[in-house]
Amino acid sequence: MVVIRLSRGGSKHRPFFNIVVADKRDRRDGRFIERIGFYNPLAKEGEEGLRVAMDRLTHWQGVGAQASPTVVRLVKQQAPAAA
């Protein structure tokens, strides 16, 4: 099964997450199929904290990928900003 989830990066106490498409059996920070965005929870004012390639997200969901609850929440959070 293919999932869309967060992959943690950054250093200790400075998290940074990539939004990736990966096989469910692979480790959280391991191999992935495609990177479709990022989330920076510590973004300062004026910095971009979230970016998701919506066309790739809809493509992967169209072929059966399941998004994690956190990714779904972040996409909903971004949607009003785009509209």
PDB file of N, CA and C in Angstrom:
ATOM      1  N   MET A   1       0.837  -1.175   0.000  1.00  0.00           N
ATOM      2  CA  MET A   1       0.000   0.000   0.000  1.00  0.00           C
ATOM      3  C   MET A   1       0.886   1.243   0.000  1.00  0.00           C
ATOM      4  N   VAL A   2       0.467   2.247  -0.730  1.00  0.00           N
ATOM      5  CA  VAL A   2       1.210   3.503  -0.824  1.00  0.00           C
ATOM      6  C   VAL A   2       0.536   4.526   0.089  1.00  0.00           C
ATOM      7  N   VAL A   3       1.345   5.248   0.873  1.00  0.00           N
ATOM      8  CA  VAL A   3       0.831   6.251   1.804  1.00  0.00           C
ATOM      9  C   VAL A   3       1.514   7.591   1.566  1.00  0.00           C
ATOM     10  N   ILE A   4       0.813   8.646   1.937  1.00  0.00           N
ATOM     11  CA  ILE A   4       1.359  10.003   1.892  1.00  0.00           C
ATOM     12  C   ILE A   4       1.519  10.416   3.341  1.00  0.00           C
ATOM     13  N   ARG A   5       2.760  10.656   3.766  1.00  0.00           N
ATOM     14  CA  ARG A   5       3.017  10.929   5.172  1.00  0.00           C
ATOM     15  C   ARG A   5       4.182  11.891   5.345  1.00  0.00           C
ATOM     16  N   LEU A   6       4.435  12.258   6.605  1.00  0.00           N
ATOM     17  CA  LEU A   6       5.537  13.147   6.931  1.00  0.00           C
ATOM     18  C   LEU A   6       6.796  12.336   7.194  1.00  0.00           C
ATOM     19  N   SER A   7       7.919  12.862   6.752  1.00  0.00           N
ATOM     20  CA  SER A   7       9.228  12.276   7.015  1.00  0.00           C
ATOM     21  C   SER A   7      10.050  13.334   7.741  1.00  0.00           C
ATOM     22  N   ARG A   8      10.519  13.020   8.934  1.00  0.00           N
ATOM     23  CA  ARG A   8      11.173  14.028   9.764  1.00  0.00           C
ATOM     24  C   ARG A   8      12.612  14.268   9.335  1.00  0.00           C
ATOM     25  N   GLY A   9      12.970  15.529   9.346  1.00  0.00           N
ATOM     26  CA  GLY A   9      14.339  15.950   9.091  1.00  0.00           C
ATOM     27  C   GLY A   9      14.697  17.009  10.116  1.00  0.00           C
ATOM     28  N   GLY A  10      15.716  17.766   9.851  1.00  0.00           N
ATOM     29  CA  GLY A  10      16.119  18.803  10.786  1.00  0.00           C
ATOM     30  C   GLY A  10      16.982  18.238  11.904  1.00  0.00           C
ATOM     31  N   SER A  11      17.329  19.086  12.839  1.00  0.00           N
ATOM     32  CA  SER A  11      18.183  18.673  13.945  1.00  0.00           C
ATOM     33  C   SER A  11      17.356  18.548  15.223  1.00  0.00           C
ATOM     34  N   LYS A  12      18.017  18.218  16.294  1.00  0.00           N
ATOM     35  CA  LYS A  12      17.352  18.062  17.579  1.00  0.00           C
ATOM     36  C   LYS A  12      16.709  19.393  17.999  1.00  0.00           C
ATOM     37  N   HIS A  13      15.462  19.362  18.374  1.00  0.00           N
ATOM     38  CA  HIS A  13      14.682  20.528  18.798  1.00  0.00           C
ATOM     39  C   HIS A  13      14.417  21.514  17.659  1.00  0.00           C
ATOM     40  N   ARG A  14      14.725  21.169  16.419  1.00  0.00           N
ATOM     41  CA  ARG A  14      14.460  22.020  15.246  1.00  0.00           C
ATOM     42  C   ARG A  14      13.845  21.156  14.161  1.00  0.00           C
ATOM     43  N   PRO A  15      12.590  20.702  14.338  1.00  0.00           N
ATOM     44  CA  PRO A  15      12.000  19.765  13.374  1.00  0.00           C
ATOM     45  C   PRO A  15      11.710  20.407  12.024  1.00  0.00           C
ATOM     46  N   PHE A  16      11.811  19.585  11.004  1.00  0.00           N
ATOM     47  CA  PHE A  16      11.454  19.951   9.631  1.00  0.00           C
ATOM     48  C   PHE A  16      10.927  18.679   8.992  1.00  0.00           C
ATOM     49  N   PHE A  17       9.785  18.768   8.325  1.00  0.00           N
ATOM     50  CA  PHE A  17       9.165  17.572   7.782  1.00  0.00           C
ATOM     51  C   PHE A  17       9.001  17.682   6.273  1.00  0.00           C
ATOM     52  N   ASN A  18       9.366  16.614   5.565  1.00  0.00           N
ATOM     53  CA  ASN A  18       9.069  16.498   4.148  1.00  0.00           C
ATOM     54  C   ASN A  18       7.772  15.711   4.021  1.00  0.00           C
ATOM     55  N   ILE A  19       6.918  16.113   3.090  1.00  0.00           N
ATOM     56  CA  ILE A  19       5.708  15.359   2.798  1.00  0.00           C
ATOM     57  C   ILE A  19       6.056  14.450   1.637  1.00  0.00           C
ATOM     58  N   VAL A  20       6.012  13.143   1.888  1.00  0.00           N
ATOM     59  CA  VAL A  20       6.491  12.172   0.917  1.00  0.00           C
ATOM     60  C   VAL A  20       5.433  11.129   0.601  1.00  0.00           C
ATOM     61  N   VAL A  21       5.576  10.530  -0.568  1.00  0.00           N
ATOM     62  CA  VAL A  21       4.788   9.373  -0.972  1.00  0.00           C
ATOM     63  C   VAL A  21       5.714   8.172  -0.803  1.00  0.00           C
ATOM     64  N   ALA A  22       5.279   7.189  -0.002  1.00  0.00           N
ATOM     65  CA  ALA A  22       6.149   6.057   0.311  1.00  0.00           C
ATOM     66  C   ALA A  22       5.342   4.780   0.428  1.00  0.00           C
ATOM     67  N   ASP A  23       6.042   3.662   0.333  1.00  0.00           N
ATOM     68  CA  ASP A  23       5.432   2.371   0.609  1.00  0.00           C
ATOM     69  C   ASP A  23       5.226   2.271   2.115  1.00  0.00           C
ATOM     70  N   LYS A  24       4.094   1.760   2.529  1.00  0.00           N
ATOM     71  CA  LYS A  24       3.766   1.686   3.942  1.00  0.00           C
ATOM     72  C   LYS A  24       4.774   0.862   4.732  1.00  0.00           C
ATOM     73  N   ARG A  25       5.407  -0.116   4.097  1.00  0.00           N
ATOM     74  CA  ARG A  25       6.346  -1.000   4.785  1.00  0.00           C
ATOM     75  C   ARG A  25       7.709  -0.365   5.031  1.00  0.00           C
ATOM     76  N   ASP A  26       8.005   0.743   4.358  1.00  0.00           N
ATOM     77  CA  ASP A  26       9.292   1.410   4.552  1.00  0.00           C
ATOM     78  C   ASP A  26       9.280   2.248   5.822  1.00  0.00           C
ATOM     79  N   ARG A  27      10.465   2.484   6.375  1.00  0.00           N
ATOM     80  CA  ARG A  27      10.583   3.271   7.598  1.00  0.00           C
ATOM     81  C   ARG A  27      10.130   4.708   7.371  1.00  0.00           C
ATOM     82  N   ARG A  28       9.772   5.383   8.461  1.00  0.00           N
ATOM     83  CA  ARG A  28       9.265   6.761   8.388  1.00  0.00           C
ATOM     84  C   ARG A  28      10.241   7.679   7.661  1.00  0.00           C
ATOM     85  N   ASP A  29      11.509   7.604   8.003  1.00  0.00           N
ATOM     86  CA  ASP A  29      12.508   8.481   7.392  1.00  0.00           C
ATOM     87  C   ASP A  29      13.339   7.755   6.344  1.00  0.00           C
ATOM     88  N   GLY A  30      12.859   6.615   5.883  1.00  0.00           N
ATOM     89  CA  GLY A  30      13.606   5.811   4.932  1.00  0.00           C
ATOM     90  C   GLY A  30      13.270   6.144   3.488  1.00  0.00           C
ATOM     91  N   ARG A  31      13.277   5.111   2.676  1.00  0.00           N
ATOM     92  CA  ARG A  31      13.076   5.253   1.238  1.00  0.00           C
ATOM     93  C   ARG A  31      11.675   5.781   0.939  1.00  0.00           C
ATOM     94  N   PHE A  32      11.580   6.646  -0.075  1.00  0.00           N
ATOM     95  CA  PHE A  32      10.290   7.156  -0.500  1.00  0.00           C
ATOM     96  C   PHE A  32      10.235   7.214  -2.015  1.00  0.00           C
ATOM     97  N   ILE A  33       9.017   7.323  -2.543  1.00  0.00           N
ATOM     98  CA  ILE A  33       8.814   7.334  -3.987  1.00  0.00           C
ATOM     99  C   ILE A  33       8.964   8.744  -4.544  1.00  0.00           C
ATOM    100  N   GLU A  34       8.314   9.713  -3.886  1.00  0.00           N
ATOM    101  CA  GLU A  34       8.341  11.092  -4.376  1.00  0.00           C
ATOM    102  C   GLU A  34       8.143  12.054  -3.214  1.00  0.00           C
ATOM    103  N   ARG A  35       8.854  13.176  -3.251  1.00  0.00           N
ATOM    104  CA  ARG A  35       8.678  14.253  -2.268  1.00  0.00           C
ATOM    105  C   ARG A  35       7.716  15.253  -2.885  1.00  0.00           C
ATOM    106  N   ILE A  36       6.589  15.512  -2.200  1.00  0.00           N
ATOM    107  CA  ILE A  36       5.583  16.407  -2.786  1.00  0.00           C
ATOM    108  C   ILE A  36       5.405  17.701  -2.006  1.00  0.00           C
ATOM    109  N   GLY A  37       6.192  17.912  -0.976  1.00  0.00           N
ATOM    110  CA  GLY A  37       6.080  19.162  -0.233  1.00  0.00           C
ATOM    111  C   GLY A  37       6.886  19.130   1.043  1.00  0.00           C
ATOM    112  N   PHE A  38       6.690  20.170   1.866  1.00  0.00           N
ATOM    113  CA  PHE A  38       7.369  20.246   3.151  1.00  0.00           C
ATOM    114  C   PHE A  38       6.501  20.988   4.156  1.00  0.00           C
ATOM    115  N   TYR A  39       6.831  20.806   5.436  1.00  0.00           N
ATOM    116  CA  TYR A  39       6.158  21.485   6.536  1.00  0.00           C
ATOM    117  C   TYR A  39       7.214  21.883   7.547  1.00  0.00           C
ATOM    118  N   ASN A  40       7.269  23.169   7.854  1.00  0.00           N
ATOM    119  CA  ASN A  40       8.205  23.690   8.846  1.00  0.00           C
ATOM    120  C   ASN A  40       7.391  24.276   9.995  1.00  0.00           C
ATOM    121  N   PRO A  41       7.228  23.532  11.099  1.00  0.00           N
ATOM    122  CA  PRO A  41       6.398  24.028  12.195  1.00  0.00           C
ATOM    123  C   PRO A  41       6.996  25.226  12.929  1.00  0.00           C
ATOM    124  N   LEU A  42       8.278  25.479  12.769  1.00  0.00           N
ATOM    125  CA  LEU A  42       8.942  26.592  13.447  1.00  0.00           C
ATOM    126  C   LEU A  42       9.228  27.760  12.510  1.00  0.00           C
ATOM    127  N   ALA A  43       8.480  27.875  11.424  1.00  0.00           N
ATOM    128  CA  ALA A  43       8.716  28.951  10.456  1.00  0.00           C
ATOM    129  C   ALA A  43       8.446  30.307  11.108  1.00  0.00           C
ATOM    130  N   LYS A  44       9.338  31.218  10.881  1.00  0.00           N
ATOM    131  CA  LYS A  44       9.185  32.572  11.407  1.00  0.00           C
ATOM    132  C   LYS A  44       8.190  33.350  10.546  1.00  0.00           C
ATOM    133  N   GLU A  45       7.794  34.499  11.031  1.00  0.00           N
ATOM    134  CA  GLU A  45       6.892  35.371  10.270  1.00  0.00           C
ATOM    135  C   GLU A  45       7.567  35.779   8.962  1.00  0.00           C
ATOM    136  N   GLY A  46       6.873  35.594   7.868  1.00  0.00           N
ATOM    137  CA  GLY A  46       7.421  35.922   6.565  1.00  0.00           C
ATOM    138  C   GLY A  46       8.068  34.745   5.855  1.00  0.00           C
ATOM    139  N   GLU A  47       8.316  33.653   6.551  1.00  0.00           N
ATOM    140  CA  GLU A  47       8.870  32.452   5.930  1.00  0.00           C
ATOM    141  C   GLU A  47       7.733  31.531   5.532  1.00  0.00           C
ATOM    142  N   GLU A  48       7.975  30.735   4.518  1.00  0.00           N
ATOM    143  CA  GLU A  48       6.983  29.765   4.077  1.00  0.00           C
ATOM    144  C   GLU A  48       7.054  28.545   4.994  1.00  0.00           C
ATOM    145  N   GLY A  49       5.943  28.235   5.651  1.00  0.00           N
ATOM    146  CA  GLY A  49       5.919  27.132   6.593  1.00  0.00           C
ATOM    147  C   GLY A  49       5.366  25.843   6.022  1.00  0.00           C
ATOM    148  N   LEU A  50       4.626  25.942   4.928  1.00  0.00           N
ATOM    149  CA  LEU A  50       3.984  24.762   4.357  1.00  0.00           C
ATOM    150  C   LEU A  50       3.879  24.929   2.851  1.00  0.00           C
ATOM    151  N   ARG A  51       4.284  23.896   2.129  1.00  0.00           N
ATOM    152  CA  ARG A  51       4.122  23.877   0.672  1.00  0.00           C
ATOM    153  C   ARG A  51       3.765  22.459   0.268  1.00  0.00           C
ATOM    154  N   VAL A  52       2.667  22.336  -0.492  1.00  0.00           N
ATOM    155  CA  VAL A  52       2.237  21.027  -0.980  1.00  0.00           C
ATOM    156  C   VAL A  52       1.930  21.165  -2.466  1.00  0.00           C
ATOM    157  N   ALA A  53       2.477  20.287  -3.291  1.00  0.00           N
ATOM    158  CA  ALA A  53       2.169  20.252  -4.718  1.00  0.00           C
ATOM    159  C   ALA A  53       0.809  19.550  -4.859  1.00  0.00           C
ATOM    160  N   MET A  54      -0.249  20.353  -4.938  1.00  0.00           N
ATOM    161  CA  MET A  54      -1.603  19.807  -4.938  1.00  0.00           C
ATOM    162  C   MET A  54      -1.870  18.909  -6.144  1.00  0.00           C
ATOM    163  N   ASP A  55      -1.258  19.216  -7.298  1.00  0.00           N
ATOM    164  CA  ASP A  55      -1.467  18.366  -8.471  1.00  0.00           C
ATOM    165  C   ASP A  55      -0.902  16.966  -8.242  1.00  0.00           C
ATOM    166  N   ARG A  56       0.263  16.865  -7.599  1.00  0.00           N
ATOM    167  CA  ARG A  56       0.845  15.551  -7.302  1.00  0.00           C
ATOM    168  C   ARG A  56       0.072  14.831  -6.203  1.00  0.00           C
ATOM    169  N   LEU A  57      -0.434  15.587  -5.243  1.00  0.00           N
ATOM    170  CA  LEU A  57      -1.238  14.990  -4.175  1.00  0.00           C
ATOM    171  C   LEU A  57      -2.500  14.360  -4.742  1.00  0.00           C
ATOM    172  N   THR A  58      -3.202  15.081  -5.600  1.00  0.00           N
ATOM    173  CA  THR A  58      -4.420  14.529  -6.195  1.00  0.00           C
ATOM    174  C   THR A  58      -4.101  13.363  -7.127  1.00  0.00           C
ATOM    175  N   HIS A  59      -2.955  13.417  -7.811  1.00  0.00           N
ATOM    176  CA  HIS A  59      -2.552  12.298  -8.657  1.00  0.00           C
ATOM    177  C   HIS A  59      -2.379  11.027  -7.829  1.00  0.00           C
ATOM    178  N   TRP A  60      -1.617  11.122  -6.740  1.00  0.00           N
ATOM    179  CA  TRP A  60      -1.353   9.945  -5.935  1.00  0.00           C
ATOM    180  C   TRP A  60      -2.611   9.433  -5.241  1.00  0.00           C
ATOM    181  N   GLN A  61      -3.485  10.347  -4.791  1.00  0.00           N
ATOM    182  CA  GLN A  61      -4.737   9.896  -4.203  1.00  0.00           C
ATOM    183  C   GLN A  61      -5.624   9.251  -5.258  1.00  0.00           C
ATOM    184  N   GLY A  62      -5.520   9.697  -6.484  1.00  0.00           N
ATOM    185  CA  GLY A  62      -6.298   9.115  -7.575  1.00  0.00           C
ATOM    186  C   GLY A  62      -5.888   7.695  -7.919  1.00  0.00           C
ATOM    187  N   VAL A  63      -4.628   7.351  -7.662  1.00  0.00           N
ATOM    188  CA  VAL A  63      -4.170   5.991  -7.942  1.00  0.00           C
ATOM    189  C   VAL A  63      -4.176   5.117  -6.693  1.00  0.00           C
ATOM    190  N   GLY A  64      -4.780   5.617  -5.601  1.00  0.00           N
ATOM    191  CA  GLY A  64      -5.011   4.779  -4.432  1.00  0.00           C
ATOM    192  C   GLY A  64      -4.167   5.039  -3.209  1.00  0.00           C
ATOM    193  N   ALA A  65      -3.341   6.070  -3.202  1.00  0.00           N
ATOM    194  CA  ALA A  65      -2.527   6.357  -2.018  1.00  0.00           C
ATOM    195  C   ALA A  65      -3.405   6.926  -0.909  1.00  0.00           C
ATOM    196  N   GLN A  66      -3.123   6.522   0.318  1.00  0.00           N
ATOM    197  CA  GLN A  66      -3.865   6.991   1.485  1.00  0.00           C
ATOM    198  C   GLN A  66      -3.029   8.037   2.217  1.00  0.00           C
ATOM    199  N   ALA A  67      -3.610   9.209   2.497  1.00  0.00           N
ATOM    200  CA  ALA A  67      -2.911  10.259   3.228  1.00  0.00           C
ATOM    201  C   ALA A  67      -3.062  10.030   4.729  1.00  0.00           C
ATOM    202  N   SER A  68      -2.015  10.330   5.478  1.00  0.00           N
ATOM    203  CA  SER A  68      -2.079  10.209   6.934  1.00  0.00           C
ATOM    204  C   SER A  68      -2.989  11.310   7.482  1.00  0.00           C
ATOM    205  N   PRO A  69      -3.531  11.131   8.671  1.00  0.00           N
ATOM    206  CA  PRO A  69      -4.398  12.172   9.259  1.00  0.00           C
ATOM    207  C   PRO A  69      -3.706  13.529   9.385  1.00  0.00           C
ATOM    208  N   THR A  70      -2.415  13.539   9.682  1.00  0.00           N
ATOM    209  CA  THR A  70      -1.683  14.798   9.802  1.00  0.00           C
ATOM    210  C   THR A  70      -1.571  15.501   8.452  1.00  0.00           C
ATOM    211  N   VAL A  71      -1.314  14.751   7.399  1.00  0.00           N
ATOM    212  CA  VAL A  71      -1.221  15.346   6.066  1.00  0.00           C
ATOM    213  C   VAL A  71      -2.580  15.909   5.653  1.00  0.00           C
ATOM    214  N   VAL A  72      -3.644  15.192   5.947  1.00  0.00           N
ATOM    215  CA  VAL A  72      -4.990  15.683   5.629  1.00  0.00           C
ATOM    216  C   VAL A  72      -5.251  17.003   6.348  1.00  0.00           C
ATOM    217  N   ARG A  73      -4.873  17.088   7.628  1.00  0.00           N
ATOM    218  CA  ARG A  73      -5.067  18.319   8.401  1.00  0.00           C
ATOM    219  C   ARG A  73      -4.245  19.482   7.816  1.00  0.00           C
ATOM    220  N   LEU A  74      -3.011  19.214   7.417  1.00  0.00           N
ATOM    221  CA  LEU A  74      -2.173  20.265   6.849  1.00  0.00           C
ATOM    222  C   LEU A  74      -2.704  20.746   5.505  1.00  0.00           C
ATOM    223  N   VAL A  75      -3.227  19.836   4.688  1.00  0.00           N
ATOM    224  CA  VAL A  75      -3.779  20.230   3.387  1.00  0.00           C
ATOM    225  C   VAL A  75      -5.013  21.093   3.582  1.00  0.00           C
ATOM    226  N   LYS A  76      -5.851  20.749   4.548  1.00  0.00           N
ATOM    227  CA  LYS A  76      -7.024  21.582   4.859  1.00  0.00           C
ATOM    228  C   LYS A  76      -6.598  22.944   5.359  1.00  0.00           C
ATOM    229  N   GLN A  77      -5.518  22.987   6.124  1.00  0.00           N
ATOM    230  CA  GLN A  77      -4.989  24.239   6.648  1.00  0.00           C
ATOM    231  C   GLN A  77      -4.479  25.128   5.511  1.00  0.00           C
ATOM    232  N   GLN A  78      -3.884  24.537   4.491  1.00  0.00           N
ATOM    233  CA  GLN A  78      -3.338  25.301   3.378  1.00  0.00           C
ATOM    234  C   GLN A  78      -4.427  25.773   2.425  1.00  0.00           C
ATOM    235  N   ALA A  79      -5.505  25.005   2.278  1.00  0.00           N
ATOM    236  CA  ALA A  79      -6.548  25.294   1.295  1.00  0.00           C
ATOM    237  C   ALA A  79      -7.155  26.688   1.451  1.00  0.00           C
ATOM    238  N   PRO A  80      -7.531  27.166   2.647  1.00  0.00           N
ATOM    239  CA  PRO A  80      -8.087  28.521   2.742  1.00  0.00           C
ATOM    240  C   PRO A  80      -7.094  29.593   2.339  1.00  0.00           C
ATOM    241  N   ALA A  81      -5.796  29.365   2.540  1.00  0.00           N
ATOM    242  CA  ALA A  81      -4.789  30.338   2.156  1.00  0.00           C
ATOM    243  C   ALA A  81      -4.702  30.459   0.635  1.00  0.00           C
ATOM    244  N   ALA A  82      -4.942  29.349  -0.074  1.00  0.00           N
ATOM    245  CA  ALA A  82      -4.859  29.370  -1.543  1.00  0.00           C
ATOM    246  C   ALA A  82      -6.101  30.005  -2.154  1.00  0.00           C
ATOM    247  N   ALA A  83      -7.235  29.916  -1.469  1.00  0.00           N
ATOM    248  CA  ALA A  83      -8.489  30.427  -2.024  1.00  0.00           C
ATOM    249  C   ALA A  83      -8.667  31.905  -1.814  1.00  0.00           C
TER     250      ALA A  83
END
